[in-house]
């Protein structure tokens, strides 16, 4: 969810291959490269719901990389942020949420799986 008529900056990172973050109706996409941070700033000017997807053929699950962006009034956005805060959903996503376990040069298993054998 994004506020209408406010500057938004999206920080993009890839952990595996090249991806391309694309919100179709915004007529712009931004590539993500491994080991290189990228960002995109814009001001959504119309309320509504917009489709997005990965625009770079990136692998087996490429066709499932779909999302929606909802642009709402400032009041609705503030209420949404408050509801997230009440649920304890605050701050940045950290490495604790990193589910990718097949980094190059590894077996594709994390240490806890290997220790269970």
PDB file of N, CA and C in Angstrom:
ATOM      1  N   UNK A   1       0.851  -1.168   0.000  1.00  0.00           N
ATOM      2  CA  UNK A   1       0.000   0.000   0.000  1.00  0.00           C
ATOM      3  C   UNK A   1       0.900   1.235   0.000  1.00  0.00           C
ATOM      4  N   UNK A   2       0.545   2.218  -0.845  1.00  0.00           N
ATOM      5  CA  UNK A   2       1.326   3.444  -0.978  1.00  0.00           C
ATOM      6  C   UNK A   2       0.404   4.653  -0.873  1.00  0.00           C
ATOM      7  N   UNK A   3       0.911   5.778  -0.351  1.00  0.00           N
ATOM      8  CA  UNK A   3       0.094   6.998  -0.270  1.00  0.00           C
ATOM      9  C   UNK A   3       0.110   7.760  -1.597  1.00  0.00           C
ATOM     10  N   UNK A   4      -1.030   8.302  -1.972  1.00  0.00           N
ATOM     11  CA  UNK A   4      -1.118   9.091  -3.199  1.00  0.00           C
ATOM     12  C   UNK A   4      -0.422  10.436  -2.989  1.00  0.00           C
ATOM     13  N   UNK A   5       0.185  10.954  -4.045  1.00  0.00           N
ATOM     14  CA  UNK A   5       0.821  12.272  -4.067  1.00  0.00           C
ATOM     15  C   UNK A   5       1.957  12.443  -3.065  1.00  0.00           C
ATOM     16  N   UNK A   6       2.602  11.364  -2.675  1.00  0.00           N
ATOM     17  CA  UNK A   6       3.767  11.411  -1.786  1.00  0.00           C
ATOM     18  C   UNK A   6       4.916  10.664  -2.457  1.00  0.00           C
ATOM     19  N   UNK A   7       6.140  11.159  -2.274  1.00  0.00           N
ATOM     20  CA  UNK A   7       7.300  10.489  -2.850  1.00  0.00           C
ATOM     21  C   UNK A   7       7.533   9.154  -2.156  1.00  0.00           C
ATOM     22  N   UNK A   8       7.730   8.126  -2.959  1.00  0.00           N
ATOM     23  CA  UNK A   8       7.984   6.768  -2.482  1.00  0.00           C
ATOM     24  C   UNK A   8       9.345   6.339  -3.027  1.00  0.00           C
ATOM     25  N   UNK A   9      10.159   5.711  -2.188  1.00  0.00           N
ATOM     26  CA  UNK A   9      11.417   5.136  -2.647  1.00  0.00           C
ATOM     27  C   UNK A   9      11.399   3.658  -2.338  1.00  0.00           C
ATOM     28  N   UNK A  10      11.634   2.844  -3.343  1.00  0.00           N
ATOM     29  CA  UNK A  10      11.678   1.394  -3.175  1.00  0.00           C
ATOM     30  C   UNK A  10      13.124   0.955  -3.362  1.00  0.00           C
ATOM     31  N   UNK A  11      13.671   0.303  -2.339  1.00  0.00           N
ATOM     32  CA  UNK A  11      15.029  -0.234  -2.417  1.00  0.00           C
ATOM     33  C   UNK A  11      14.954  -1.661  -2.914  1.00  0.00           C
ATOM     34  N   UNK A  12      15.737  -1.973  -3.931  1.00  0.00           N
ATOM     35  CA  UNK A  12      15.688  -3.270  -4.592  1.00  0.00           C
ATOM     36  C   UNK A  12      17.003  -4.016  -4.406  1.00  0.00           C
ATOM     37  N   UNK A  13      16.909  -5.296  -4.093  1.00  0.00           N
ATOM     38  CA  UNK A  13      18.076  -6.161  -3.965  1.00  0.00           C
ATOM     39  C   UNK A  13      17.722  -7.533  -4.514  1.00  0.00           C
ATOM     40  N   UNK A  14      18.685  -8.195  -5.098  1.00  0.00           N
ATOM     41  CA  UNK A  14      18.496  -9.572  -5.551  1.00  0.00           C
ATOM     42  C   UNK A  14      19.488 -10.464  -4.830  1.00  0.00           C
ATOM     43  N   UNK A  15      19.020 -11.633  -4.405  1.00  0.00           N
ATOM     44  CA  UNK A  15      19.888 -12.585  -3.726  1.00  0.00           C
ATOM     45  C   UNK A  15      20.317 -13.721  -4.641  1.00  0.00           C
ATOM     46  N   UNK A  16      19.761 -13.781  -5.857  1.00  0.00           N
ATOM     47  CA  UNK A  16      20.035 -14.968  -6.661  1.00  0.00           C
ATOM     48  C   UNK A  16      20.380 -14.654  -8.115  1.00  0.00           C
ATOM     49  N   UNK A  17      19.472 -14.067  -8.865  1.00  0.00           N
ATOM     50  CA  UNK A  17      19.693 -13.798 -10.296  1.00  0.00           C
ATOM     51  C   UNK A  17      19.189 -12.390 -10.611  1.00  0.00           C
ATOM     52  N   UNK A  18      19.296 -11.970 -11.873  1.00  0.00           N
ATOM     53  CA  UNK A  18      18.760 -10.670 -12.277  1.00  0.00           C
ATOM     54  C   UNK A  18      17.236 -10.755 -12.295  1.00  0.00           C
ATOM     55  N   UNK A  19      16.588  -9.769 -11.677  1.00  0.00           N
ATOM     56  CA  UNK A  19      15.140  -9.620 -11.717  1.00  0.00           C
ATOM     57  C   UNK A  19      14.846  -8.213 -12.230  1.00  0.00           C
ATOM     58  N   UNK A  20      13.603  -7.947 -12.579  1.00  0.00           N
ATOM     59  CA  UNK A  20      13.216  -6.608 -13.004  1.00  0.00           C
ATOM     60  C   UNK A  20      11.864  -6.274 -12.384  1.00  0.00           C
ATOM     61  N   UNK A  21      11.858  -5.307 -11.473  1.00  0.00           N
ATOM     62  CA  UNK A  21      10.668  -4.880 -10.745  1.00  0.00           C
ATOM     63  C   UNK A  21       9.854  -3.976 -11.663  1.00  0.00           C
ATOM     64  N   UNK A  22       8.612  -4.378 -11.971  1.00  0.00           N
ATOM     65  CA  UNK A  22       7.803  -3.655 -12.945  1.00  0.00           C
ATOM     66  C   UNK A  22       6.380  -3.504 -12.449  1.00  0.00           C
ATOM     67  N   UNK A  23       5.944  -2.264 -12.273  1.00  0.00           N
ATOM     68  CA  UNK A  23       4.536  -1.971 -12.030  1.00  0.00           C
ATOM     69  C   UNK A  23       3.996  -1.509 -13.373  1.00  0.00           C
ATOM     70  N   UNK A  24       3.198  -2.330 -13.981  1.00  0.00           N
ATOM     71  CA  UNK A  24       2.830  -2.196 -15.388  1.00  0.00           C
ATOM     72  C   UNK A  24       2.248  -0.815 -15.723  1.00  0.00           C
ATOM     73  N   UNK A  25       1.233  -0.362 -14.984  1.00  0.00           N
ATOM     74  CA  UNK A  25       0.589   0.914 -15.298  1.00  0.00           C
ATOM     75  C   UNK A  25       1.466   2.130 -15.009  1.00  0.00           C
ATOM     76  N   UNK A  26       2.557   1.944 -14.274  1.00  0.00           N
ATOM     77  CA  UNK A  26       3.466   3.057 -14.011  1.00  0.00           C
ATOM     78  C   UNK A  26       4.434   3.261 -15.184  1.00  0.00           C
ATOM     79  N   UNK A  27       4.407   2.343 -16.152  1.00  0.00           N
ATOM     80  CA  UNK A  27       5.208   2.435 -17.380  1.00  0.00           C
ATOM     81  C   UNK A  27       6.703   2.583 -17.105  1.00  0.00           C
ATOM     82  N   UNK A  28       7.179   1.854 -16.099  1.00  0.00           N
ATOM     83  CA  UNK A  28       8.594   1.929 -15.752  1.00  0.00           C
ATOM     84  C   UNK A  28       8.981   0.644 -15.043  1.00  0.00           C
ATOM     85  N   UNK A  29      10.195   0.208 -15.271  1.00  0.00           N
ATOM     86  CA  UNK A  29      10.693  -0.954 -14.546  1.00  0.00           C
ATOM     87  C   UNK A  29      12.117  -0.691 -14.110  1.00  0.00           C
ATOM     88  N   UNK A  30      12.549  -1.413 -13.093  1.00  0.00           N
ATOM     89  CA  UNK A  30      13.890  -1.219 -12.552  1.00  0.00           C
ATOM     90  C   UNK A  30      14.518  -2.579 -12.326  1.00  0.00           C
ATOM     91  N   UNK A  31      15.739  -2.758 -12.826  1.00  0.00           N
ATOM     92  CA  UNK A  31      16.427  -4.041 -12.706  1.00  0.00           C
ATOM     93  C   UNK A  31      17.102  -4.193 -11.353  1.00  0.00           C
ATOM     94  N   UNK A  32      17.218  -5.439 -10.934  1.00  0.00           N
ATOM     95  CA  UNK A  32      17.909  -5.804  -9.700  1.00  0.00           C
ATOM     96  C   UNK A  32      19.029  -6.762 -10.069  1.00  0.00           C
ATOM     97  N   UNK A  33      20.211  -6.500  -9.566  1.00  0.00           N
ATOM     98  CA  UNK A  33      21.385  -7.317  -9.854  1.00  0.00           C
ATOM     99  C   UNK A  33      21.940  -7.890  -8.564  1.00  0.00           C
ATOM    100  N   UNK A  34      22.532  -9.052  -8.624  1.00  0.00           N
ATOM    101  CA  UNK A  34      23.128  -9.689  -7.461  1.00  0.00           C
ATOM    102  C   UNK A  34      24.255  -8.812  -6.930  1.00  0.00           C
ATOM    103  N   UNK A  35      24.238  -8.577  -5.616  1.00  0.00           N
ATOM    104  CA  UNK A  35      25.308  -7.839  -4.976  1.00  0.00           C
ATOM    105  C   UNK A  35      25.359  -6.354  -5.294  1.00  0.00           C
ATOM    106  N   UNK A  36      24.305  -5.825  -5.883  1.00  0.00           N
ATOM    107  CA  UNK A  36      24.279  -4.398  -6.219  1.00  0.00           C
ATOM    108  C   UNK A  36      22.918  -3.819  -5.866  1.00  0.00           C
ATOM    109  N   UNK A  37      22.883  -2.931  -4.890  1.00  0.00           N
ATOM    110  CA  UNK A  37      21.623  -2.316  -4.489  1.00  0.00           C
ATOM    111  C   UNK A  37      21.162  -1.332  -5.555  1.00  0.00           C
ATOM    112  N   UNK A  38      19.869  -1.221  -5.719  1.00  0.00           N
ATOM    113  CA  UNK A  38      19.285  -0.311  -6.686  1.00  0.00           C
ATOM    114  C   UNK A  38      18.037   0.277  -6.027  1.00  0.00           C
ATOM    115  N   UNK A  39      17.628   1.462  -6.432  1.00  0.00           N
ATOM    116  CA  UNK A  39      16.409   2.040  -5.868  1.00  0.00           C
ATOM    117  C   UNK A  39      15.633   2.760  -6.958  1.00  0.00           C
ATOM    118  N   UNK A  40      14.373   3.021  -6.648  1.00  0.00           N
ATOM    119  CA  UNK A  40      13.465   3.661  -7.581  1.00  0.00           C
ATOM    120  C   UNK A  40      12.590   4.606  -6.779  1.00  0.00           C
ATOM    121  N   UNK A  41      12.558   5.864  -7.146  1.00  0.00           N
ATOM    122  CA  UNK A  41      11.709   6.852  -6.479  1.00  0.00           C
ATOM    123  C   UNK A  41      10.663   7.365  -7.463  1.00  0.00           C
ATOM    124  N   UNK A  42       9.436   7.558  -6.958  1.00  0.00           N
ATOM    125  CA  UNK A  42       8.358   8.053  -7.798  1.00  0.00           C
ATOM    126  C   UNK A  42       7.259   8.613  -6.908  1.00  0.00           C
ATOM    127  N   UNK A  43       6.313   9.308  -7.506  1.00  0.00           N
ATOM    128  CA  UNK A  43       5.158   9.854  -6.790  1.00  0.00           C
ATOM    129  C   UNK A  43       3.903   9.299  -7.450  1.00  0.00           C
ATOM    130  N   UNK A  44       3.189   8.364  -6.775  1.00  0.00           N
ATOM    131  CA  UNK A  44       1.937   7.874  -7.356  1.00  0.00           C
ATOM    132  C   UNK A  44       0.887   8.997  -7.339  1.00  0.00           C
ATOM    133  N   UNK A  45       0.253   9.234  -8.463  1.00  0.00           N
ATOM    134  CA  UNK A  45      -0.672  10.374  -8.575  1.00  0.00           C
ATOM    135  C   UNK A  45      -2.143   9.986  -8.667  1.00  0.00           C
ATOM    136  N   UNK A  46      -2.423   8.682  -8.758  1.00  0.00           N
ATOM    137  CA  UNK A  46      -3.820   8.239  -8.848  1.00  0.00           C
ATOM    138  C   UNK A  46      -4.061   7.091  -7.873  1.00  0.00           C
ATOM    139  N   UNK A  47      -5.130   7.185  -7.118  1.00  0.00           N
ATOM    140  CA  UNK A  47      -5.511   6.070  -6.253  1.00  0.00           C
ATOM    141  C   UNK A  47      -6.001   4.922  -7.124  1.00  0.00           C
ATOM    142  N   UNK A  48      -5.776   3.711  -6.648  1.00  0.00           N
ATOM    143  CA  UNK A  48      -6.214   2.539  -7.386  1.00  0.00           C
ATOM    144  C   UNK A  48      -5.334   1.357  -7.063  1.00  0.00           C
ATOM    145  N   UNK A  49      -5.637   0.225  -7.704  1.00  0.00           N
ATOM    146  CA  UNK A  49      -4.839  -0.984  -7.514  1.00  0.00           C
ATOM    147  C   UNK A  49      -4.169  -1.326  -8.837  1.00  0.00           C
ATOM    148  N   UNK A  50      -2.855  -1.573  -8.759  1.00  0.00           N
ATOM    149  CA  UNK A  50      -2.053  -1.768  -9.956  1.00  0.00           C
ATOM    150  C   UNK A  50      -1.301  -3.092  -9.863  1.00  0.00           C
ATOM    151  N   UNK A  51      -1.176  -3.768 -10.992  1.00  0.00           N
ATOM    152  CA  UNK A  51      -0.471  -5.047 -11.044  1.00  0.00           C
ATOM    153  C   UNK A  51       1.014  -4.830 -11.295  1.00  0.00           C
ATOM    154  N   UNK A  52       1.805  -5.722 -10.695  1.00  0.00           N
ATOM    155  CA  UNK A  52       3.237  -5.699 -10.923  1.00  0.00           C
ATOM    156  C   UNK A  52       3.755  -7.111 -11.101  1.00  0.00           C
ATOM    157  N   UNK A  53       4.952  -7.204 -11.652  1.00  0.00           N
ATOM    158  CA  UNK A  53       5.564  -8.514 -11.851  1.00  0.00           C
ATOM    159  C   UNK A  53       7.048  -8.365 -12.122  1.00  0.00           C
ATOM    160  N   UNK A  54       7.731  -9.494 -12.128  1.00  0.00           N
ATOM    161  CA  UNK A  54       9.120  -9.525 -12.562  1.00  0.00           C
ATOM    162  C   UNK A  54       9.107  -9.545 -14.082  1.00  0.00           C
ATOM    163  N   UNK A  55       9.839  -8.606 -14.695  1.00  0.00           N
ATOM    164  CA  UNK A  55       9.849  -8.493 -16.152  1.00  0.00           C
ATOM    165  C   UNK A  55      11.106  -9.090 -16.775  1.00  0.00           C
ATOM    166  N   UNK A  56      11.875  -9.819 -15.996  1.00  0.00           N
ATOM    167  CA  UNK A  56      13.112 -10.449 -16.488  1.00  0.00           C
ATOM    168  C   UNK A  56      12.970 -11.953 -16.322  1.00  0.00           C
ATOM    169  N   UNK A  57      13.107 -12.706 -17.400  1.00  0.00           N
ATOM    170  CA  UNK A  57      13.019 -14.161 -17.290  1.00  0.00           C
ATOM    171  C   UNK A  57      14.133 -14.632 -16.364  1.00  0.00           C
ATOM    172  N   UNK A  58      13.751 -15.005 -15.141  1.00  0.00           N
ATOM    173  CA  UNK A  58      14.738 -15.176 -14.081  1.00  0.00           C
ATOM    174  C   UNK A  58      14.867 -16.612 -13.572  1.00  0.00           C
ATOM    175  N   UNK A  59      14.025 -17.501 -14.014  1.00  0.00           N
ATOM    176  CA  UNK A  59      14.158 -18.869 -13.547  1.00  0.00           C
ATOM    177  C   UNK A  59      12.832 -19.583 -13.427  1.00  0.00           C
ATOM    178  N   UNK A  60      12.865 -20.691 -12.729  1.00  0.00           N
ATOM    179  CA  UNK A  60      11.740 -21.613 -12.638  1.00  0.00           C
ATOM    180  C   UNK A  60      10.458 -20.971 -12.105  1.00  0.00           C
ATOM    181  N   UNK A  61      10.560 -20.058 -11.139  1.00  0.00           N
ATOM    182  CA  UNK A  61       9.376 -19.474 -10.513  1.00  0.00           C
ATOM    183  C   UNK A  61       9.048 -18.077 -11.044  1.00  0.00           C
ATOM    184  N   UNK A  62       9.623 -17.709 -12.172  1.00  0.00           N
ATOM    185  CA  UNK A  62       9.406 -16.382 -12.748  1.00  0.00           C
ATOM    186  C   UNK A  62       7.917 -16.078 -12.930  1.00  0.00           C
ATOM    187  N   UNK A  63       7.151 -17.002 -13.439  1.00  0.00           N
ATOM    188  CA  UNK A  63       5.736 -16.748 -13.723  1.00  0.00           C
ATOM    189  C   UNK A  63       4.915 -16.538 -12.455  1.00  0.00           C
ATOM    190  N   UNK A  64       5.476 -16.879 -11.300  1.00  0.00           N
ATOM    191  CA  UNK A  64       4.752 -16.698 -10.040  1.00  0.00           C
ATOM    192  C   UNK A  64       5.156 -15.408  -9.328  1.00  0.00           C
ATOM    193  N   UNK A  65       6.037 -14.622  -9.909  1.00  0.00           N
ATOM    194  CA  UNK A  65       6.497 -13.373  -9.287  1.00  0.00           C
ATOM    195  C   UNK A  65       5.560 -12.238  -9.675  1.00  0.00           C
ATOM    196  N   UNK A  66       4.376 -12.267  -9.079  1.00  0.00           N
ATOM    197  CA  UNK A  66       3.323 -11.290  -9.332  1.00  0.00           C
ATOM    198  C   UNK A  66       2.981 -10.584  -8.021  1.00  0.00           C
ATOM    199  N   UNK A  67       2.565  -9.325  -8.100  1.00  0.00           N
ATOM    200  CA  UNK A  67       2.160  -8.593  -6.901  1.00  0.00           C
ATOM    201  C   UNK A  67       1.192  -7.485  -7.295  1.00  0.00           C
ATOM    202  N   UNK A  68       0.528  -6.920  -6.307  1.00  0.00           N
ATOM    203  CA  UNK A  68      -0.364  -5.785  -6.517  1.00  0.00           C
ATOM    204  C   UNK A  68       0.118  -4.620  -5.666  1.00  0.00           C
ATOM    205  N   UNK A  69      -0.043  -3.421  -6.179  1.00  0.00           N
ATOM    206  CA  UNK A  69       0.276  -2.199  -5.458  1.00  0.00           C
ATOM    207  C   UNK A  69      -1.021  -1.412  -5.343  1.00  0.00           C
ATOM    208  N   UNK A  70      -1.374  -1.048  -4.118  1.00  0.00           N
ATOM    209  CA  UNK A  70      -2.586  -0.283  -3.887  1.00  0.00           C
ATOM    210  C   UNK A  70      -2.187   1.133  -3.478  1.00  0.00           C
ATOM    211  N   UNK A  71      -2.649   2.130  -4.216  1.00  0.00           N
ATOM    212  CA  UNK A  71      -2.389   3.529  -3.913  1.00  0.00           C
ATOM    213  C   UNK A  71      -3.655   4.094  -3.271  1.00  0.00           C
ATOM    214  N   UNK A  72      -3.493   4.657  -2.072  1.00  0.00           N
ATOM    215  CA  UNK A  72      -4.640   5.095  -1.277  1.00  0.00           C
ATOM    216  C   UNK A  72      -4.429   6.520  -0.764  1.00  0.00           C
ATOM    217  N   UNK A  73      -5.472   7.084  -0.151  1.00  0.00           N
ATOM    218  CA  UNK A  73      -5.378   8.417   0.448  1.00  0.00           C
ATOM    219  C   UNK A  73      -4.383   8.397   1.607  1.00  0.00           C
ATOM    220  N   UNK A  74      -3.906   9.570   1.995  1.00  0.00           N
ATOM    221  CA  UNK A  74      -2.957   9.665   3.105  1.00  0.00           C
ATOM    222  C   UNK A  74      -3.579   9.142   4.397  1.00  0.00           C
ATOM    223  N   UNK A  75      -4.870   9.415   4.628  1.00  0.00           N
ATOM    224  CA  UNK A  75      -5.547   8.935   5.838  1.00  0.00           C
ATOM    225  C   UNK A  75      -5.616   7.410   5.873  1.00  0.00           C
ATOM    226  N   UNK A  76      -5.956   6.789   4.736  1.00  0.00           N
ATOM    227  CA  UNK A  76      -6.027   5.328   4.685  1.00  0.00           C
ATOM    228  C   UNK A  76      -4.640   4.717   4.861  1.00  0.00           C
ATOM    229  N   UNK A  77      -3.627   5.369   4.284  1.00  0.00           N
ATOM    230  CA  UNK A  77      -2.258   4.883   4.436  1.00  0.00           C
ATOM    231  C   UNK A  77      -1.807   4.962   5.894  1.00  0.00           C
ATOM    232  N   UNK A  78      -2.094   6.077   6.556  1.00  0.00           N
ATOM    233  CA  UNK A  78      -1.724   6.236   7.973  1.00  0.00           C
ATOM    234  C   UNK A  78      -2.422   5.182   8.838  1.00  0.00           C
ATOM    235  N   UNK A  79      -3.694   4.910   8.563  1.00  0.00           N
ATOM    236  CA  UNK A  79      -4.431   3.878   9.314  1.00  0.00           C
ATOM    237  C   UNK A  79      -3.826   2.499   9.075  1.00  0.00           C
ATOM    238  N   UNK A  80      -3.406   2.244   7.850  1.00  0.00           N
ATOM    239  CA  UNK A  80      -2.771   0.960   7.530  1.00  0.00           C
ATOM    240  C   UNK A  80      -1.465   0.794   8.297  1.00  0.00           C
ATOM    241  N   UNK A  81      -0.630   1.844   8.300  1.00  0.00           N
ATOM    242  CA  UNK A  81       0.627   1.778   9.058  1.00  0.00           C
ATOM    243  C   UNK A  81       0.366   1.552  10.544  1.00  0.00           C
ATOM    244  N   UNK A  82      -0.655   2.210  11.080  1.00  0.00           N
ATOM    245  CA  UNK A  82      -0.988   2.028  12.499  1.00  0.00           C
ATOM    246  C   UNK A  82      -1.431   0.592  12.770  1.00  0.00           C
ATOM    247  N   UNK A  83      -2.197  -0.012  11.858  1.00  0.00           N
ATOM    248  CA  UNK A  83      -2.628  -1.400  12.052  1.00  0.00           C
ATOM    249  C   UNK A  83      -1.431  -2.346  12.027  1.00  0.00           C
ATOM    250  N   UNK A  84      -0.448  -2.064  11.162  1.00  0.00           N
ATOM    251  CA  UNK A  84       0.771  -2.887  11.139  1.00  0.00           C
ATOM    252  C   UNK A  84       1.531  -2.757  12.453  1.00  0.00           C
ATOM    253  N   UNK A  85       1.623  -1.538  12.951  1.00  0.00           N
ATOM    254  CA  UNK A  85       2.321  -1.284  14.215  1.00  0.00           C
ATOM    255  C   UNK A  85       1.653  -2.040  15.364  1.00  0.00           C
ATOM    256  N   UNK A  86       0.332  -2.010  15.410  1.00  0.00           N
ATOM    257  CA  UNK A  86      -0.413  -2.714  16.460  1.00  0.00           C
ATOM    258  C   UNK A  86      -0.175  -4.218  16.415  1.00  0.00           C
ATOM    259  N   UNK A  87       0.100  -4.754  15.229  1.00  0.00           N
ATOM    260  CA  UNK A  87       0.373  -6.183  15.061  1.00  0.00           C
ATOM    261  C   UNK A  87       1.846  -6.517  15.291  1.00  0.00           C
ATOM    262  N   UNK A  88       2.668  -5.493  15.546  1.00  0.00           N
ATOM    263  CA  UNK A  88       4.092  -5.723  15.755  1.00  0.00           C
ATOM    264  C   UNK A  88       4.883  -5.836  14.466  1.00  0.00           C
ATOM    265  N   UNK A  89       4.285  -5.456  13.349  1.00  0.00           N
ATOM    266  CA  UNK A  89       4.959  -5.527  12.044  1.00  0.00           C
ATOM    267  C   UNK A  89       5.596  -4.182  11.727  1.00  0.00           C
ATOM    268  N   UNK A  90       6.787  -3.952  12.276  1.00  0.00           N
ATOM    269  CA  UNK A  90       7.490  -2.693  12.047  1.00  0.00           C
ATOM    270  C   UNK A  90       8.934  -2.973  11.658  1.00  0.00           C
ATOM    271  N   UNK A  91       9.558  -2.004  11.025  1.00  0.00           N
ATOM    272  CA  UNK A  91      10.973  -2.123  10.700  1.00  0.00           C
ATOM    273  C   UNK A  91      11.222  -2.802   9.377  1.00  0.00           C
ATOM    274  N   UNK A  92      12.497  -2.926   9.081  1.00  0.00           N
ATOM    275  CA  UNK A  92      12.931  -3.542   7.834  1.00  0.00           C
ATOM    276  C   UNK A  92      12.921  -5.056   7.938  1.00  0.00           C
ATOM    277  N   UNK A  93      12.781  -5.708   6.809  1.00  0.00           N
ATOM    278  CA  UNK A  93      12.944  -7.164   6.756  1.00  0.00           C
ATOM    279  C   UNK A  93      14.436  -7.444   6.846  1.00  0.00           C
ATOM    280  N   UNK A  94      14.818  -8.333   7.742  1.00  0.00           N
ATOM    281  CA  UNK A  94      16.231  -8.624   7.960  1.00  0.00           C
ATOM    282  C   UNK A  94      16.598  -9.972   7.365  1.00  0.00           C
ATOM    283  N   UNK A  95      17.860 -10.360   7.571  1.00  0.00           N
ATOM    284  CA  UNK A  95      18.323 -11.647   7.070  1.00  0.00           C
ATOM    285  C   UNK A  95      17.559 -12.819   7.695  1.00  0.00           C
ATOM    286  N   UNK A  96      16.881 -12.593   8.812  1.00  0.00           N
ATOM    287  CA  UNK A  96      16.099 -13.655   9.443  1.00  0.00           C
ATOM    288  C   UNK A  96      14.998 -14.158   8.510  1.00  0.00           C
ATOM    289  N   UNK A  97      14.597 -13.318   7.552  1.00  0.00           N
ATOM    290  CA  UNK A  97      13.542 -13.706   6.619  1.00  0.00           C
ATOM    291  C   UNK A  97      14.096 -14.241   5.306  1.00  0.00           C
ATOM    292  N   UNK A  98      15.397 -14.390   5.222  1.00  0.00           N
ATOM    293  CA  UNK A  98      16.039 -14.867   4.001  1.00  0.00           C
ATOM    294  C   UNK A  98      15.854 -16.372   3.878  1.00  0.00           C
ATOM    295  N   UNK A  99      15.007 -16.784   2.960  1.00  0.00           N
ATOM    296  CA  UNK A  99      14.708 -18.208   2.799  1.00  0.00           C
ATOM    297  C   UNK A  99      15.562 -18.867   1.731  1.00  0.00           C
ATOM    298  N   UNK A 100      16.425 -18.096   1.092  1.00  0.00           N
ATOM    299  CA  UNK A 100      17.262 -18.644   0.043  1.00  0.00           C
ATOM    300  C   UNK A 100      18.426 -19.406   0.671  1.00  0.00           C
ATOM    301  N   UNK A 101      18.514 -20.688   0.415  1.00  0.00           N
ATOM    302  CA  UNK A 101      19.567 -21.488   1.038  1.00  0.00           C
ATOM    303  C   UNK A 101      20.500 -22.111   0.006  1.00  0.00           C
ATOM    304  N   UNK A 102      20.365 -21.744  -1.250  1.00  0.00           N
ATOM    305  CA  UNK A 102      21.217 -22.353  -2.263  1.00  0.00           C
ATOM    306  C   UNK A 102      22.164 -21.319  -2.877  1.00  0.00           C
ATOM    307  N   UNK A 103      22.932 -20.656  -2.016  1.00  0.00           N
ATOM    308  CA  UNK A 103      23.923 -19.702  -2.491  1.00  0.00           C
ATOM    309  C   UNK A 103      24.958 -20.424  -3.352  1.00  0.00           C
ATOM    310  N   UNK A 104      25.527 -19.741  -4.315  1.00  0.00           N
ATOM    311  CA  UNK A 104      26.561 -20.376  -5.146  1.00  0.00           C
ATOM    312  C   UNK A 104      27.685 -20.936  -4.279  1.00  0.00           C
ATOM    313  N   UNK A 105      28.126 -22.143  -4.615  1.00  0.00           N
ATOM    314  CA  UNK A 105      29.215 -22.763  -3.870  1.00  0.00           C
ATOM    315  C   UNK A 105      28.776 -23.504  -2.627  1.00  0.00           C
ATOM    316  N   UNK A 106      27.465 -23.605  -2.416  1.00  0.00           N
ATOM    317  CA  UNK A 106      26.969 -24.357  -1.260  1.00  0.00           C
ATOM    318  C   UNK A 106      26.223 -25.586  -1.744  1.00  0.00           C
ATOM    319  N   UNK A 107      25.829 -26.416  -0.813  1.00  0.00           N
ATOM    320  CA  UNK A 107      25.110 -27.639  -1.170  1.00  0.00           C
ATOM    321  C   UNK A 107      23.631 -27.394  -1.395  1.00  0.00           C
ATOM    322  N   UNK A 108      23.145 -26.190  -1.068  1.00  0.00           N
ATOM    323  CA  UNK A 108      21.715 -25.924  -1.192  1.00  0.00           C
ATOM    324  C   UNK A 108      20.972 -26.260   0.082  1.00  0.00           C
ATOM    325  N   UNK A 109      21.678 -26.670   1.118  1.00  0.00           N
ATOM    326  CA  UNK A 109      21.062 -26.991   2.401  1.00  0.00           C
ATOM    327  C   UNK A 109      21.623 -26.042   3.438  1.00  0.00           C
ATOM    328  N   UNK A 110      20.762 -25.622   4.354  1.00  0.00           N
ATOM    329  CA  UNK A 110      21.297 -24.771   5.397  1.00  0.00           C
ATOM    330  C   UNK A 110      21.920 -25.625   6.500  1.00  0.00           C
ATOM    331  N   UNK A 111      22.645 -24.995   7.401  1.00  0.00           N
ATOM    332  CA  UNK A 111      23.401 -25.728   8.417  1.00  0.00           C
ATOM    333  C   UNK A 111      22.513 -26.578   9.322  1.00  0.00           C
ATOM    334  N   UNK A 112      21.305 -26.106   9.638  1.00  0.00           N
ATOM    335  CA  UNK A 112      20.443 -26.874  10.533  1.00  0.00           C
ATOM    336  C   UNK A 112      19.984 -28.161   9.871  1.00  0.00           C
ATOM    337  N   UNK A 113      19.749 -28.124   8.541  1.00  0.00           N
ATOM    338  CA  UNK A 113      19.353 -29.348   7.830  1.00  0.00           C
ATOM    339  C   UNK A 113      20.494 -30.346   7.805  1.00  0.00           C
ATOM    340  N   UNK A 114      21.716 -29.852   7.591  1.00  0.00           N
ATOM    341  CA  UNK A 114      22.860 -30.754   7.532  1.00  0.00           C
ATOM    342  C   UNK A 114      23.142 -31.379   8.890  1.00  0.00           C
ATOM    343  N   UNK A 115      22.868 -30.640   9.965  1.00  0.00           N
ATOM    344  CA  UNK A 115      23.118 -31.158  11.309  1.00  0.00           C
ATOM    345  C   UNK A 115      22.114 -32.213  11.734  1.00  0.00           C
ATOM    346  N   UNK A 116      20.974 -32.307  11.039  1.00  0.00           N
ATOM    347  CA  UNK A 116      19.936 -33.278  11.406  1.00  0.00           C
ATOM    348  C   UNK A 116      20.249 -34.672  10.923  1.00  0.00           C
ATOM    349  N   UNK A 117      21.228 -34.841  10.052  1.00  0.00           N
ATOM    350  CA  UNK A 117      21.531 -36.161   9.484  1.00  0.00           C
ATOM    351  C   UNK A 117      22.250 -37.027  10.483  1.00  0.00           C
TER     352      UNK A 117
END
